[in-house]
Amino acid sequence: MKWTEERQRLLGSDWFEPLPEEVVEQLAAMTQRRRLRDGEFLFARGDAPDGLYCVLSGRIRSGSTSADGKQHLLMQFEPGHWFGEISMFDGLGRTHDGLAVGDTEVLILPRPQFLDLLARRPEIYPHFLKLLCRKLRLAFAYIEDANFEPLSVRVARRLLDLASVYGKTTAHGTLIDVALPQDDLAQMLGASRQAVSKVLKHWESLGWLRLDYRRVVLCEAPALKAVADGDALNQMAGS
Protein backbone atom coordinates (compact mmCIF):
# COMPACT_ATOMS: atom_id res chain seq x y z
CA MET A 1 0.00 0.00 0.00
CA LYS A 2 1.29 3.46 -0.88
CA TRP A 3 2.07 6.03 1.81
CA THR A 4 2.62 3.29 4.41
CA GLU A 5 4.65 5.33 6.94
CA GLU A 6 2.54 8.43 6.33
CA ARG A 7 -0.64 6.46 7.03
CA GLN A 8 0.89 5.05 10.22
CA ARG A 9 1.72 8.53 11.46
CA LEU A 10 -1.80 9.71 10.71
CA LEU A 11 -3.51 6.69 12.23
CA GLY A 12 -1.27 6.84 15.28
CA SER A 13 -2.67 10.26 16.23
CA ASP A 14 -6.04 11.06 17.76
CA TRP A 15 -6.13 13.92 15.25
CA PHE A 16 -6.71 11.52 12.37
CA GLU A 17 -7.33 7.96 13.59
CA PRO A 18 -11.17 8.34 13.80
CA LEU A 19 -11.49 9.72 10.27
CA PRO A 20 -12.86 7.65 7.37
CA GLU A 21 -10.23 5.52 5.67
CA GLU A 22 -10.52 7.33 2.34
CA VAL A 23 -9.89 10.65 4.07
CA VAL A 24 -6.76 9.27 5.73
CA GLU A 25 -5.56 8.04 2.33
CA GLN A 26 -6.06 11.50 0.83
CA LEU A 27 -4.23 13.14 3.72
CA ALA A 28 -1.33 10.70 3.42
CA ALA A 29 -1.01 11.49 -0.28
CA MET A 30 -0.74 15.21 0.50
CA THR A 31 2.15 14.93 2.93
CA GLN A 32 5.66 16.17 2.26
CA ARG A 33 8.95 15.61 4.09
CA ARG A 34 11.54 18.07 5.28
CA ARG A 35 14.95 17.48 6.84
CA LEU A 36 16.49 19.89 9.35
CA ARG A 37 19.96 20.20 10.84
CA ASP A 38 20.52 20.58 14.57
CA GLY A 39 19.48 24.08 15.62
CA GLU A 40 17.75 24.89 12.33
CA PHE A 41 14.42 26.68 12.47
CA LEU A 42 11.38 24.80 11.25
CA PHE A 43 9.57 28.09 11.72
CA ALA A 44 10.01 31.30 13.70
CA ARG A 45 7.45 33.17 15.73
CA GLY A 46 5.28 35.23 13.40
CA ASP A 47 5.99 33.14 10.30
CA ALA A 48 3.06 32.48 7.98
CA PRO A 49 1.67 28.95 8.41
CA ASP A 50 2.51 26.37 5.77
CA GLY A 51 0.93 23.33 7.37
CA LEU A 52 0.65 20.85 10.19
CA TYR A 53 3.76 18.94 11.25
CA CYS A 54 4.63 15.51 12.58
CA VAL A 55 8.09 14.58 13.84
CA LEU A 56 9.48 11.49 12.09
CA SER A 57 12.91 11.52 13.70
CA GLY A 58 14.83 13.85 15.97
CA ARG A 59 12.95 16.42 18.01
CA ILE A 60 11.41 19.89 17.66
CA ARG A 61 11.75 22.35 20.52
CA SER A 62 8.86 24.82 20.69
CA GLY A 63 9.29 27.99 22.73
CA SER A 64 10.01 31.69 22.72
CA THR A 65 12.63 34.19 23.87
CA SER A 66 11.76 37.42 25.66
CA ALA A 67 13.29 40.81 24.85
CA ASP A 68 15.77 40.39 27.71
CA GLY A 69 16.87 36.98 26.41
CA LYS A 70 14.93 34.81 28.86
CA GLN A 71 13.83 31.56 27.25
CA HIS A 72 10.50 29.82 27.77
CA LEU A 73 10.06 26.24 26.63
CA LEU A 74 6.53 25.29 25.71
CA MET A 75 7.05 21.69 24.61
CA GLN A 76 9.47 19.32 22.93
CA PHE A 77 7.84 17.27 20.21
CA GLU A 78 9.09 13.72 19.78
CA PRO A 79 8.60 11.29 16.86
CA GLY A 80 4.94 10.58 16.21
CA HIS A 81 3.60 13.87 17.57
CA TRP A 82 1.67 16.39 15.49
CA PHE A 83 1.76 20.13 16.17
CA GLY A 84 1.16 23.53 14.58
CA GLU A 85 -2.64 23.36 14.55
CA ILE A 86 -3.36 26.91 15.76
CA SER A 87 -1.86 28.67 12.76
CA MET A 88 -3.05 25.84 10.53
CA PHE A 89 -6.65 26.76 11.27
CA ASP A 90 -6.64 30.54 11.89
CA GLY A 91 -4.09 31.42 9.19
CA LEU A 92 -2.18 33.81 11.47
CA GLY A 93 1.52 33.79 12.26
CA ARG A 94 3.21 31.08 14.29
CA THR A 95 2.85 31.63 18.04
CA HIS A 96 6.31 30.24 18.95
CA ASP A 97 9.64 29.29 17.46
CA GLY A 98 10.21 25.71 16.36
CA LEU A 99 13.83 24.50 16.28
CA ALA A 100 15.35 21.13 15.49
CA VAL A 101 17.18 19.30 18.27
CA GLY A 102 19.65 17.04 16.50
CA ASP A 103 19.20 15.98 12.89
CA THR A 104 15.44 15.96 12.42
CA GLU A 105 12.91 14.96 9.79
CA VAL A 106 9.31 16.15 9.82
CA LEU A 107 6.21 15.27 7.86
CA ILE A 108 4.25 18.29 6.63
CA LEU A 109 0.54 18.32 5.87
CA PRO A 110 0.29 21.41 3.62
CA ARG A 111 -2.31 23.96 4.69
CA PRO A 112 -3.86 24.74 1.26
CA GLN A 113 -4.53 21.09 0.42
CA PHE A 114 -5.80 20.37 3.92
CA LEU A 115 -8.24 23.30 3.86
CA ASP A 116 -9.39 22.25 0.40
CA LEU A 117 -10.18 18.78 1.76
CA LEU A 118 -12.14 20.31 4.64
CA ALA A 119 -14.12 22.41 2.17
CA ARG A 120 -15.02 19.22 0.28
CA ARG A 121 -15.69 17.20 3.45
CA PRO A 122 -17.23 19.68 5.94
CA GLU A 123 -18.63 16.83 8.03
CA ILE A 124 -15.16 16.24 9.54
CA TYR A 125 -14.88 19.81 10.91
CA PRO A 126 -16.50 18.94 14.31
CA HIS A 127 -13.79 16.35 14.97
CA PHE A 128 -11.04 18.96 14.67
CA LEU A 129 -12.98 21.58 16.61
CA LYS A 130 -13.26 19.17 19.54
CA LEU A 131 -9.51 18.58 19.54
CA LEU A 132 -8.79 22.31 19.35
CA CYS A 133 -11.11 22.96 22.29
CA ARG A 134 -9.34 20.25 24.29
CA LYS A 135 -5.99 21.94 23.69
CA LEU A 136 -7.48 25.32 24.59
CA ARG A 137 -8.72 23.93 27.91
CA LEU A 138 -5.24 22.58 28.61
CA ALA A 139 -3.70 25.97 27.85
CA PHE A 140 -6.14 27.68 30.23
CA ALA A 141 -5.23 25.16 32.92
CA TYR A 142 -1.52 25.95 32.51
CA ILE A 143 -2.21 29.69 32.77
CA GLU A 144 -4.28 29.18 35.92
CA ASP A 145 -1.60 26.98 37.46
CA ALA A 146 1.11 29.57 36.80
CA ASN A 147 -0.90 32.27 38.54
CA PHE A 148 -2.43 30.44 41.49
CA GLU A 149 -0.79 27.10 42.26
CA PRO A 150 2.38 26.39 44.31
CA LEU A 151 5.34 24.99 42.44
CA SER A 152 4.88 21.45 43.79
CA VAL A 153 1.40 21.27 42.26
CA ARG A 154 2.62 22.65 38.94
CA VAL A 155 5.53 20.20 38.78
CA ALA A 156 3.30 17.24 39.60
CA ARG A 157 0.71 18.22 37.00
CA ARG A 158 3.28 18.75 34.27
CA LEU A 159 4.99 15.41 34.99
CA LEU A 160 1.64 13.62 34.87
CA ASP A 161 0.72 15.42 31.63
CA LEU A 162 4.03 14.36 30.08
CA ALA A 163 3.55 10.80 31.32
CA SER A 164 0.12 10.66 29.68
CA VAL A 165 1.76 11.46 26.34
CA TYR A 166 5.22 9.87 26.60
CA GLY A 167 4.75 7.32 29.39
CA LYS A 168 6.11 3.78 29.08
CA THR A 169 5.63 1.10 31.72
CA THR A 170 8.86 -0.22 33.27
CA ALA A 171 9.73 -2.40 36.25
CA HIS A 172 10.19 0.73 38.37
CA GLY A 173 7.14 2.68 37.25
CA THR A 174 6.14 4.93 34.39
CA LEU A 175 9.09 6.25 32.39
CA ILE A 176 8.54 9.64 30.76
CA ASP A 177 10.29 8.59 27.56
CA VAL A 178 11.40 12.00 26.39
CA ALA A 179 14.59 13.95 27.08
CA LEU A 180 13.67 16.08 30.09
CA PRO A 181 16.62 18.01 31.55
CA GLN A 182 15.65 19.90 34.69
CA ASP A 183 16.47 23.17 32.91
CA ASP A 184 13.80 22.35 30.32
CA LEU A 185 11.22 21.39 32.94
CA ALA A 186 11.93 24.64 34.78
CA GLN A 187 11.46 26.65 31.58
CA MET A 188 8.13 24.92 30.95
CA LEU A 189 6.97 26.00 34.40
CA GLY A 190 8.44 29.50 34.41
CA ALA A 191 10.47 28.62 37.53
CA SER A 192 14.14 28.45 38.46
CA ARG A 193 16.07 25.24 37.91
CA GLN A 194 17.10 25.26 41.56
CA ALA A 195 13.50 25.39 42.80
CA VAL A 196 12.37 22.60 40.48
CA SER A 197 15.39 20.47 41.37
CA LYS A 198 14.59 20.85 45.08
CA VAL A 199 11.06 19.51 44.54
CA LEU A 200 12.25 16.60 42.38
CA LYS A 201 15.04 15.62 44.79
CA HIS A 202 12.60 15.62 47.70
CA TRP A 203 10.17 13.39 45.84
CA GLU A 204 13.03 11.11 44.88
CA SER A 205 13.95 10.80 48.59
CA LEU A 206 10.34 9.76 49.29
CA GLY A 207 10.51 7.11 46.55
CA TRP A 208 7.86 8.83 44.42
CA LEU A 209 10.12 9.09 41.37
CA ARG A 210 13.56 8.27 40.04
CA LEU A 211 15.83 10.72 38.29
CA ASP A 212 17.97 9.19 35.56
CA TYR A 213 20.07 11.10 33.04
CA ARG A 214 17.61 13.42 31.22
CA ARG A 215 14.77 11.04 32.14
CA VAL A 216 12.19 10.80 34.94
CA VAL A 217 10.46 7.62 36.16
CA LEU A 218 7.24 8.05 38.13
CA CYS A 219 7.35 5.32 40.80
CA GLU A 220 4.34 6.45 42.87
CA ALA A 221 1.95 8.12 40.43
CA PRO A 222 -0.94 8.14 42.98
CA ALA A 223 1.13 10.26 45.37
CA LEU A 224 1.96 12.71 42.59
CA LYS A 225 -1.67 12.80 41.52
CA ALA A 226 -2.66 13.68 45.08
CA VAL A 227 -0.26 16.64 44.92
CA ALA A 228 -1.59 17.60 41.50
CA ASP A 229 -5.16 17.44 42.83
CA GLY A 230 -4.31 19.83 45.65
CA ASP A 231 -4.20 17.39 48.58
CA ALA A 232 -2.89 19.54 51.44
CA LEU A 233 -0.82 16.84 53.17
CA ASN A 234 0.82 15.76 49.94
CA GLN A 235 1.50 19.38 49.01
CA MET A 236 3.42 19.64 52.29
CA ALA A 237 5.38 16.53 51.30
CA GLY A 238 6.15 18.17 47.98
CA SER A 239 7.23 21.51 49.40
C-alpha atoms as a PDB file:
ATOM      1  CA  MET A   1       0.000   0.000   0.000  1.00  0.00           C
ATOM      2  CA  LYS A   2       1.293   3.461  -0.879  1.00  0.00           C
ATOM      3  CA  TRP A   3       2.068   6.027   1.807  1.00  0.00           C
ATOM      4  CA  THR A   4       2.621   3.294   4.413  1.00  0.00           C
ATOM      5  CA  GLU A   5       4.646   5.333   6.938  1.00  0.00           C
ATOM      6  CA  GLU A   6       2.540   8.432   6.330  1.00  0.00           C
ATOM      7  CA  ARG A   7      -0.642   6.461   7.030  1.00  0.00           C
ATOM      8  CA  GLN A   8       0.891   5.048  10.222  1.00  0.00           C
ATOM      9  CA  ARG A   9       1.723   8.526  11.465  1.00  0.00           C
ATOM     10  CA  LEU A  10      -1.801   9.713  10.713  1.00  0.00           C
ATOM     11  CA  LEU A  11      -3.515   6.686  12.234  1.00  0.00           C
ATOM     12  CA  GLY A  12      -1.266   6.843  15.283  1.00  0.00           C
ATOM     13  CA  SER A  13      -2.668  10.257  16.228  1.00  0.00           C
ATOM     14  CA  ASP A  14      -6.042  11.061  17.756  1.00  0.00           C
ATOM     15  CA  TRP A  15      -6.132  13.921  15.253  1.00  0.00           C
ATOM     16  CA  PHE A  16      -6.712  11.525  12.366  1.00  0.00           C
ATOM     17  CA  GLU A  17      -7.335   7.961  13.585  1.00  0.00           C
ATOM     18  CA  PRO A  18     -11.168   8.340  13.802  1.00  0.00           C
ATOM     19  CA  LEU A  19     -11.485   9.725  10.274  1.00  0.00           C
ATOM     20  CA  PRO A  20     -12.857   7.651   7.366  1.00  0.00           C
ATOM     21  CA  GLU A  21     -10.225   5.515   5.669  1.00  0.00           C
ATOM     22  CA  GLU A  22     -10.519   7.327   2.337  1.00  0.00           C
ATOM     23  CA  VAL A  23      -9.889  10.646   4.073  1.00  0.00           C
ATOM     24  CA  VAL A  24      -6.756   9.275   5.733  1.00  0.00           C
ATOM     25  CA  GLU A  25      -5.561   8.044   2.333  1.00  0.00           C
ATOM     26  CA  GLN A  26      -6.057  11.496   0.829  1.00  0.00           C
ATOM     27  CA  LEU A  27      -4.225  13.142   3.720  1.00  0.00           C
ATOM     28  CA  ALA A  28      -1.331  10.698   3.421  1.00  0.00           C
ATOM     29  CA  ALA A  29      -1.012  11.487  -0.281  1.00  0.00           C
ATOM     30  CA  MET A  30      -0.736  15.211   0.501  1.00  0.00           C
ATOM     31  CA  THR A  31       2.155  14.929   2.928  1.00  0.00           C
ATOM     32  CA  GLN A  32       5.656  16.171   2.262  1.00  0.00           C
ATOM     33  CA  ARG A  33       8.947  15.606   4.091  1.00  0.00           C
ATOM     34  CA  ARG A  34      11.535  18.067   5.282  1.00  0.00           C
ATOM     35  CA  ARG A  35      14.951  17.485   6.843  1.00  0.00           C
ATOM     36  CA  LEU A  36      16.494  19.887   9.351  1.00  0.00           C
ATOM     37  CA  ARG A  37      19.961  20.199  10.842  1.00  0.00           C
ATOM     38  CA  ASP A  38      20.519  20.583  14.570  1.00  0.00           C
ATOM     39  CA  GLY A  39      19.475  24.085  15.622  1.00  0.00           C
ATOM     40  CA  GLU A  40      17.751  24.889  12.327  1.00  0.00           C
ATOM     41  CA  PHE A  41      14.415  26.676  12.468  1.00  0.00           C
ATOM     42  CA  LEU A  42      11.378  24.796  11.249  1.00  0.00           C
ATOM     43  CA  PHE A  43       9.568  28.093  11.724  1.00  0.00           C
ATOM     44  CA  ALA A  44      10.009  31.303  13.698  1.00  0.00           C
ATOM     45  CA  ARG A  45       7.446  33.165  15.734  1.00  0.00           C
ATOM     46  CA  GLY A  46       5.279  35.227  13.400  1.00  0.00           C
ATOM     47  CA  ASP A  47       5.992  33.136  10.303  1.00  0.00           C
ATOM     48  CA  ALA A  48       3.063  32.483   7.982  1.00  0.00           C
ATOM     49  CA  PRO A  49       1.674  28.953   8.413  1.00  0.00           C
ATOM     50  CA  ASP A  50       2.513  26.375   5.768  1.00  0.00           C
ATOM     51  CA  GLY A  51       0.931  23.328   7.366  1.00  0.00           C
ATOM     52  CA  LEU A  52       0.648  20.848  10.194  1.00  0.00           C
ATOM     53  CA  TYR A  53       3.756  18.938  11.251  1.00  0.00           C
ATOM     54  CA  CYS A  54       4.627  15.507  12.581  1.00  0.00           C
ATOM     55  CA  VAL A  55       8.093  14.583  13.840  1.00  0.00           C
ATOM     56  CA  LEU A  56       9.484  11.492  12.088  1.00  0.00           C
ATOM     57  CA  SER A  57      12.913  11.518  13.700  1.00  0.00           C
ATOM     58  CA  GLY A  58      14.828  13.853  15.971  1.00  0.00           C
ATOM     59  CA  ARG A  59      12.952  16.422  18.008  1.00  0.00           C
ATOM     60  CA  ILE A  60      11.405  19.887  17.662  1.00  0.00           C
ATOM     61  CA  ARG A  61      11.755  22.351  20.518  1.00  0.00           C
ATOM     62  CA  SER A  62       8.856  24.822  20.685  1.00  0.00           C
ATOM     63  CA  GLY A  63       9.286  27.986  22.730  1.00  0.00           C
ATOM     64  CA  SER A  64      10.013  31.691  22.719  1.00  0.00           C
ATOM     65  CA  THR A  65      12.628  34.186  23.870  1.00  0.00           C
ATOM     66  CA  SER A  66      11.763  37.417  25.658  1.00  0.00           C
ATOM     67  CA  ALA A  67      13.288  40.810  24.854  1.00  0.00           C
ATOM     68  CA  ASP A  68      15.769  40.386  27.713  1.00  0.00           C
ATOM     69  CA  GLY A  69      16.866  36.984  26.407  1.00  0.00           C
ATOM     70  CA  LYS A  70      14.930  34.810  28.856  1.00  0.00           C
ATOM     71  CA  GLN A  71      13.831  31.557  27.252  1.00  0.00           C
ATOM     72  CA  HIS A  72      10.504  29.825  27.766  1.00  0.00           C
ATOM     73  CA  LEU A  73      10.064  26.240  26.633  1.00  0.00           C
ATOM     74  CA  LEU A  74       6.526  25.294  25.707  1.00  0.00           C
ATOM     75  CA  MET A  75       7.050  21.691  24.607  1.00  0.00           C
ATOM     76  CA  GLN A  76       9.471  19.318  22.929  1.00  0.00           C
ATOM     77  CA  PHE A  77       7.841  17.268  20.206  1.00  0.00           C
ATOM     78  CA  GLU A  78       9.090  13.724  19.782  1.00  0.00           C
ATOM     79  CA  PRO A  79       8.599  11.291  16.860  1.00  0.00           C
ATOM     80  CA  GLY A  80       4.938  10.583  16.206  1.00  0.00           C
ATOM     81  CA  HIS A  81       3.598  13.869  17.569  1.00  0.00           C
ATOM     82  CA  TRP A  82       1.665  16.395  15.489  1.00  0.00           C
ATOM     83  CA  PHE A  83       1.756  20.130  16.171  1.00  0.00           C
ATOM     84  CA  GLY A  84       1.160  23.531  14.581  1.00  0.00           C
ATOM     85  CA  GLU A  85      -2.643  23.357  14.555  1.00  0.00           C
ATOM     86  CA  ILE A  86      -3.361  26.913  15.762  1.00  0.00           C
ATOM     87  CA  SER A  87      -1.862  28.669  12.757  1.00  0.00           C
ATOM     88  CA  MET A  88      -3.050  25.837  10.526  1.00  0.00           C
ATOM     89  CA  PHE A  89      -6.645  26.760  11.270  1.00  0.00           C
ATOM     90  CA  ASP A  90      -6.637  30.536  11.893  1.00  0.00           C
ATOM     91  CA  GLY A  91      -4.089  31.420   9.192  1.00  0.00           C
ATOM     92  CA  LEU A  92      -2.182  33.811  11.465  1.00  0.00           C
ATOM     93  CA  GLY A  93       1.520  33.786  12.259  1.00  0.00           C
ATOM     94  CA  ARG A  94       3.207  31.085  14.294  1.00  0.00           C
ATOM     95  CA  THR A  95       2.847  31.630  18.037  1.00  0.00           C
ATOM     96  CA  HIS A  96       6.309  30.244  18.946  1.00  0.00           C
ATOM     97  CA  ASP A  97       9.641  29.289  17.455  1.00  0.00           C
ATOM     98  CA  GLY A  98      10.206  25.705  16.359  1.00  0.00           C
ATOM     99  CA  LEU A  99      13.832  24.496  16.277  1.00  0.00           C
ATOM    100  CA  ALA A 100      15.349  21.126  15.487  1.00  0.00           C
ATOM    101  CA  VAL A 101      17.183  19.298  18.267  1.00  0.00           C
ATOM    102  CA  GLY A 102      19.650  17.040  16.499  1.00  0.00           C
ATOM    103  CA  ASP A 103      19.195  15.978  12.893  1.00  0.00           C
ATOM    104  CA  THR A 104      15.440  15.957  12.425  1.00  0.00           C
ATOM    105  CA  GLU A 105      12.910  14.961   9.794  1.00  0.00           C
ATOM    106  CA  VAL A 106       9.307  16.149   9.817  1.00  0.00           C
ATOM    107  CA  LEU A 107       6.207  15.267   7.863  1.00  0.00           C
ATOM    108  CA  ILE A 108       4.250  18.294   6.627  1.00  0.00           C
ATOM    109  CA  LEU A 109       0.544  18.315   5.866  1.00  0.00           C
ATOM    110  CA  PRO A 110       0.290  21.408   3.616  1.00  0.00           C
ATOM    111  CA  ARG A 111      -2.306  23.957   4.690  1.00  0.00           C
ATOM    112  CA  PRO A 112      -3.858  24.745   1.256  1.00  0.00           C
ATOM    113  CA  GLN A 113      -4.527  21.091   0.420  1.00  0.00           C
ATOM    114  CA  PHE A 114      -5.797  20.370   3.924  1.00  0.00           C
ATOM    115  CA  LEU A 115      -8.239  23.296   3.857  1.00  0.00           C
ATOM    116  CA  ASP A 116      -9.387  22.250   0.403  1.00  0.00           C
ATOM    117  CA  LEU A 117     -10.179  18.782   1.761  1.00  0.00           C
ATOM    118  CA  LEU A 118     -12.144  20.311   4.641  1.00  0.00           C
ATOM    119  CA  ALA A 119     -14.118  22.406   2.165  1.00  0.00           C
ATOM    120  CA  ARG A 120     -15.025  19.221   0.280  1.00  0.00           C
ATOM    121  CA  ARG A 121     -15.688  17.195   3.447  1.00  0.00           C
ATOM    122  CA  PRO A 122     -17.235  19.681   5.936  1.00  0.00           C
ATOM    123  CA  GLU A 123     -18.631  16.834   8.031  1.00  0.00           C
ATOM    124  CA  ILE A 124     -15.159  16.242   9.544  1.00  0.00           C
ATOM    125  CA  TYR A 125     -14.877  19.807  10.914  1.00  0.00           C
ATOM    126  CA  PRO A 126     -16.501  18.941  14.308  1.00  0.00           C
ATOM    127  CA  HIS A 127     -13.785  16.354  14.970  1.00  0.00           C
ATOM    128  CA  PHE A 128     -11.036  18.955  14.665  1.00  0.00           C
ATOM    129  CA  LEU A 129     -12.979  21.584  16.608  1.00  0.00           C
ATOM    130  CA  LYS A 130     -13.263  19.172  19.537  1.00  0.00           C
ATOM    131  CA  LEU A 131      -9.511  18.577  19.535  1.00  0.00           C
ATOM    132  CA  LEU A 132      -8.789  22.310  19.346  1.00  0.00           C
ATOM    133  CA  CYS A 133     -11.106  22.956  22.289  1.00  0.00           C
ATOM    134  CA  ARG A 134      -9.337  20.251  24.291  1.00  0.00           C
ATOM    135  CA  LYS A 135      -5.995  21.941  23.685  1.00  0.00           C
ATOM    136  CA  LEU A 136      -7.479  25.318  24.593  1.00  0.00           C
ATOM    137  CA  ARG A 137      -8.718  23.929  27.910  1.00  0.00           C
ATOM    138  CA  LEU A 138      -5.236  22.580  28.612  1.00  0.00           C
ATOM    139  CA  ALA A 139      -3.701  25.973  27.846  1.00  0.00           C
ATOM    140  CA  PHE A 140      -6.141  27.683  30.231  1.00  0.00           C
ATOM    141  CA  ALA A 141      -5.231  25.155  32.922  1.00  0.00           C
ATOM    142  CA  TYR A 142      -1.517  25.952  32.514  1.00  0.00           C
ATOM    143  CA  ILE A 143      -2.206  29.689  32.772  1.00  0.00           C
ATOM    144  CA  GLU A 144      -4.278  29.184  35.916  1.00  0.00           C
ATOM    145  CA  ASP A 145      -1.596  26.977  37.460  1.00  0.00           C
ATOM    146  CA  ALA A 146       1.109  29.573  36.804  1.00  0.00           C
ATOM    147  CA  ASN A 147      -0.902  32.267  38.543  1.00  0.00           C
ATOM    148  CA  PHE A 148      -2.435  30.442  41.495  1.00  0.00           C
ATOM    149  CA  GLU A 149      -0.789  27.105  42.265  1.00  0.00           C
ATOM    150  CA  PRO A 150       2.376  26.385  44.306  1.00  0.00           C
ATOM    151  CA  LEU A 151       5.338  24.991  42.436  1.00  0.00           C
ATOM    152  CA  SER A 152       4.885  21.454  43.788  1.00  0.00           C
ATOM    153  CA  VAL A 153       1.398  21.273  42.260  1.00  0.00           C
ATOM    154  CA  ARG A 154       2.622  22.646  38.938  1.00  0.00           C
ATOM    155  CA  VAL A 155       5.533  20.202  38.776  1.00  0.00           C
ATOM    156  CA  ALA A 156       3.300  17.243  39.598  1.00  0.00           C
ATOM    157  CA  ARG A 157       0.705  18.224  36.997  1.00  0.00           C
ATOM    158  CA  ARG A 158       3.282  18.746  34.268  1.00  0.00           C
ATOM    159  CA  LEU A 159       4.989  15.415  34.992  1.00  0.00           C
ATOM    160  CA  LEU A 160       1.641  13.616  34.866  1.00  0.00           C
ATOM    161  CA  ASP A 161       0.719  15.416  31.634  1.00  0.00           C
ATOM    162  CA  LEU A 162       4.026  14.362  30.080  1.00  0.00           C
ATOM    163  CA  ALA A 163       3.546  10.800  31.324  1.00  0.00           C
ATOM    164  CA  SER A 164       0.116  10.657  29.676  1.00  0.00           C
ATOM    165  CA  VAL A 165       1.760  11.458  26.336  1.00  0.00           C
ATOM    166  CA  TYR A 166       5.215   9.875  26.597  1.00  0.00           C
ATOM    167  CA  GLY A 167       4.753   7.318  29.387  1.00  0.00           C
ATOM    168  CA  LYS A 168       6.114   3.778  29.083  1.00  0.00           C
ATOM    169  CA  THR A 169       5.630   1.098  31.715  1.00  0.00           C
ATOM    170  CA  THR A 170       8.859  -0.218  33.274  1.00  0.00           C
ATOM    171  CA  ALA A 171       9.726  -2.400  36.255  1.00  0.00           C
ATOM    172  CA  HIS A 172      10.192   0.729  38.367  1.00  0.00           C
ATOM    173  CA  GLY A 173       7.141   2.677  37.254  1.00  0.00           C
ATOM    174  CA  THR A 174       6.142   4.935  34.386  1.00  0.00           C
ATOM    175  CA  LEU A 175       9.085   6.248  32.389  1.00  0.00           C
ATOM    176  CA  ILE A 176       8.544   9.642  30.757  1.00  0.00           C
ATOM    177  CA  ASP A 177      10.286   8.590  27.565  1.00  0.00           C
ATOM    178  CA  VAL A 178      11.399  12.001  26.385  1.00  0.00           C
ATOM    179  CA  ALA A 179      14.586  13.952  27.076  1.00  0.00           C
ATOM    180  CA  LEU A 180      13.675  16.078  30.088  1.00  0.00           C
ATOM    181  CA  PRO A 181      16.617  18.010  31.548  1.00  0.00           C
ATOM    182  CA  GLN A 182      15.654  19.897  34.687  1.00  0.00           C
ATOM    183  CA  ASP A 183      16.472  23.169  32.911  1.00  0.00           C
ATOM    184  CA  ASP A 184      13.800  22.351  30.324  1.00  0.00           C
ATOM    185  CA  LEU A 185      11.216  21.393  32.941  1.00  0.00           C
ATOM    186  CA  ALA A 186      11.927  24.645  34.783  1.00  0.00           C
ATOM    187  CA  GLN A 187      11.459  26.646  31.583  1.00  0.00           C
ATOM    188  CA  MET A 188       8.126  24.918  30.952  1.00  0.00           C
ATOM    189  CA  LEU A 189       6.967  25.995  34.405  1.00  0.00           C
ATOM    190  CA  GLY A 190       8.442  29.500  34.414  1.00  0.00           C
ATOM    191  CA  ALA A 191      10.470  28.620  37.529  1.00  0.00           C
ATOM    192  CA  SER A 192      14.138  28.449  38.457  1.00  0.00           C
ATOM    193  CA  ARG A 193      16.070  25.237  37.914  1.00  0.00           C
ATOM    194  CA  GLN A 194      17.105  25.261  41.564  1.00  0.00           C
ATOM    195  CA  ALA A 195      13.498  25.395  42.800  1.00  0.00           C
ATOM    196  CA  VAL A 196      12.367  22.596  40.482  1.00  0.00           C
ATOM    197  CA  SER A 197      15.389  20.473  41.370  1.00  0.00           C
ATOM    198  CA  LYS A 198      14.593  20.851  45.083  1.00  0.00           C
ATOM    199  CA  VAL A 199      11.057  19.505  44.541  1.00  0.00           C
ATOM    200  CA  LEU A 200      12.251  16.599  42.382  1.00  0.00           C
ATOM    201  CA  LYS A 201      15.037  15.618  44.786  1.00  0.00           C
ATOM    202  CA  HIS A 202      12.605  15.620  47.705  1.00  0.00           C
ATOM    203  CA  TRP A 203      10.172  13.389  45.837  1.00  0.00           C
ATOM    204  CA  GLU A 204      13.034  11.113  44.885  1.00  0.00           C
ATOM    205  CA  SER A 205      13.953  10.798  48.590  1.00  0.00           C
ATOM    206  CA  LEU A 206      10.344   9.764  49.287  1.00  0.00           C
ATOM    207  CA  GLY A 207      10.507   7.113  46.551  1.00  0.00           C
ATOM    208  CA  TRP A 208       7.860   8.834  44.424  1.00  0.00           C
ATOM    209  CA  LEU A 209      10.118   9.093  41.370  1.00  0.00           C
ATOM    210  CA  ARG A 210      13.560   8.273  40.036  1.00  0.00           C
ATOM    211  CA  LEU A 211      15.833  10.720  38.289  1.00  0.00           C
ATOM    212  CA  ASP A 212      17.970   9.189  35.561  1.00  0.00           C
ATOM    213  CA  TYR A 213      20.065  11.096  33.045  1.00  0.00           C
ATOM    214  CA  ARG A 214      17.610  13.418  31.225  1.00  0.00           C
ATOM    215  CA  ARG A 215      14.766  11.044  32.142  1.00  0.00           C
ATOM    216  CA  VAL A 216      12.194  10.801  34.939  1.00  0.00           C
ATOM    217  CA  VAL A 217      10.464   7.624  36.158  1.00  0.00           C
ATOM    218  CA  LEU A 218       7.243   8.052  38.131  1.00  0.00           C
ATOM    219  CA  CYS A 219       7.345   5.323  40.795  1.00  0.00           C
ATOM    220  CA  GLU A 220       4.335   6.452  42.870  1.00  0.00           C
ATOM    221  CA  ALA A 221       1.949   8.118  40.434  1.00  0.00           C
ATOM    222  CA  PRO A 222      -0.942   8.145  42.980  1.00  0.00           C
ATOM    223  CA  ALA A 223       1.133  10.263  45.373  1.00  0.00           C
ATOM    224  CA  LEU A 224       1.962  12.711  42.593  1.00  0.00           C
ATOM    225  CA  LYS A 225      -1.674  12.802  41.516  1.00  0.00           C
ATOM    226  CA  ALA A 226      -2.657  13.680  45.076  1.00  0.00           C
ATOM    227  CA  VAL A 227      -0.261  16.636  44.919  1.00  0.00           C
ATOM    228  CA  ALA A 228      -1.592  17.604  41.497  1.00  0.00           C
ATOM    229  CA  ASP A 229      -5.158  17.442  42.833  1.00  0.00           C
ATOM    230  CA  GLY A 230      -4.312  19.827  45.650  1.00  0.00           C
ATOM    231  CA  ASP A 231      -4.205  17.386  48.582  1.00  0.00           C
ATOM    232  CA  ALA A 232      -2.894  19.539  51.437  1.00  0.00           C
ATOM    233  CA  LEU A 233      -0.822  16.836  53.171  1.00  0.00           C
ATOM    234  CA  ASN A 234       0.820  15.765  49.944  1.00  0.00           C
ATOM    235  CA  GLN A 235       1.500  19.378  49.009  1.00  0.00           C
ATOM    236  CA  MET A 236       3.424  19.644  52.290  1.00  0.00           C
ATOM    237  CA  ALA A 237       5.378  16.532  51.305  1.00  0.00           C
ATOM    238  CA  GLY A 238       6.145  18.171  47.980  1.00  0.00           C
ATOM    239  CA  SER A 239       7.234  21.510  49.404  1.00  0.00           C
END
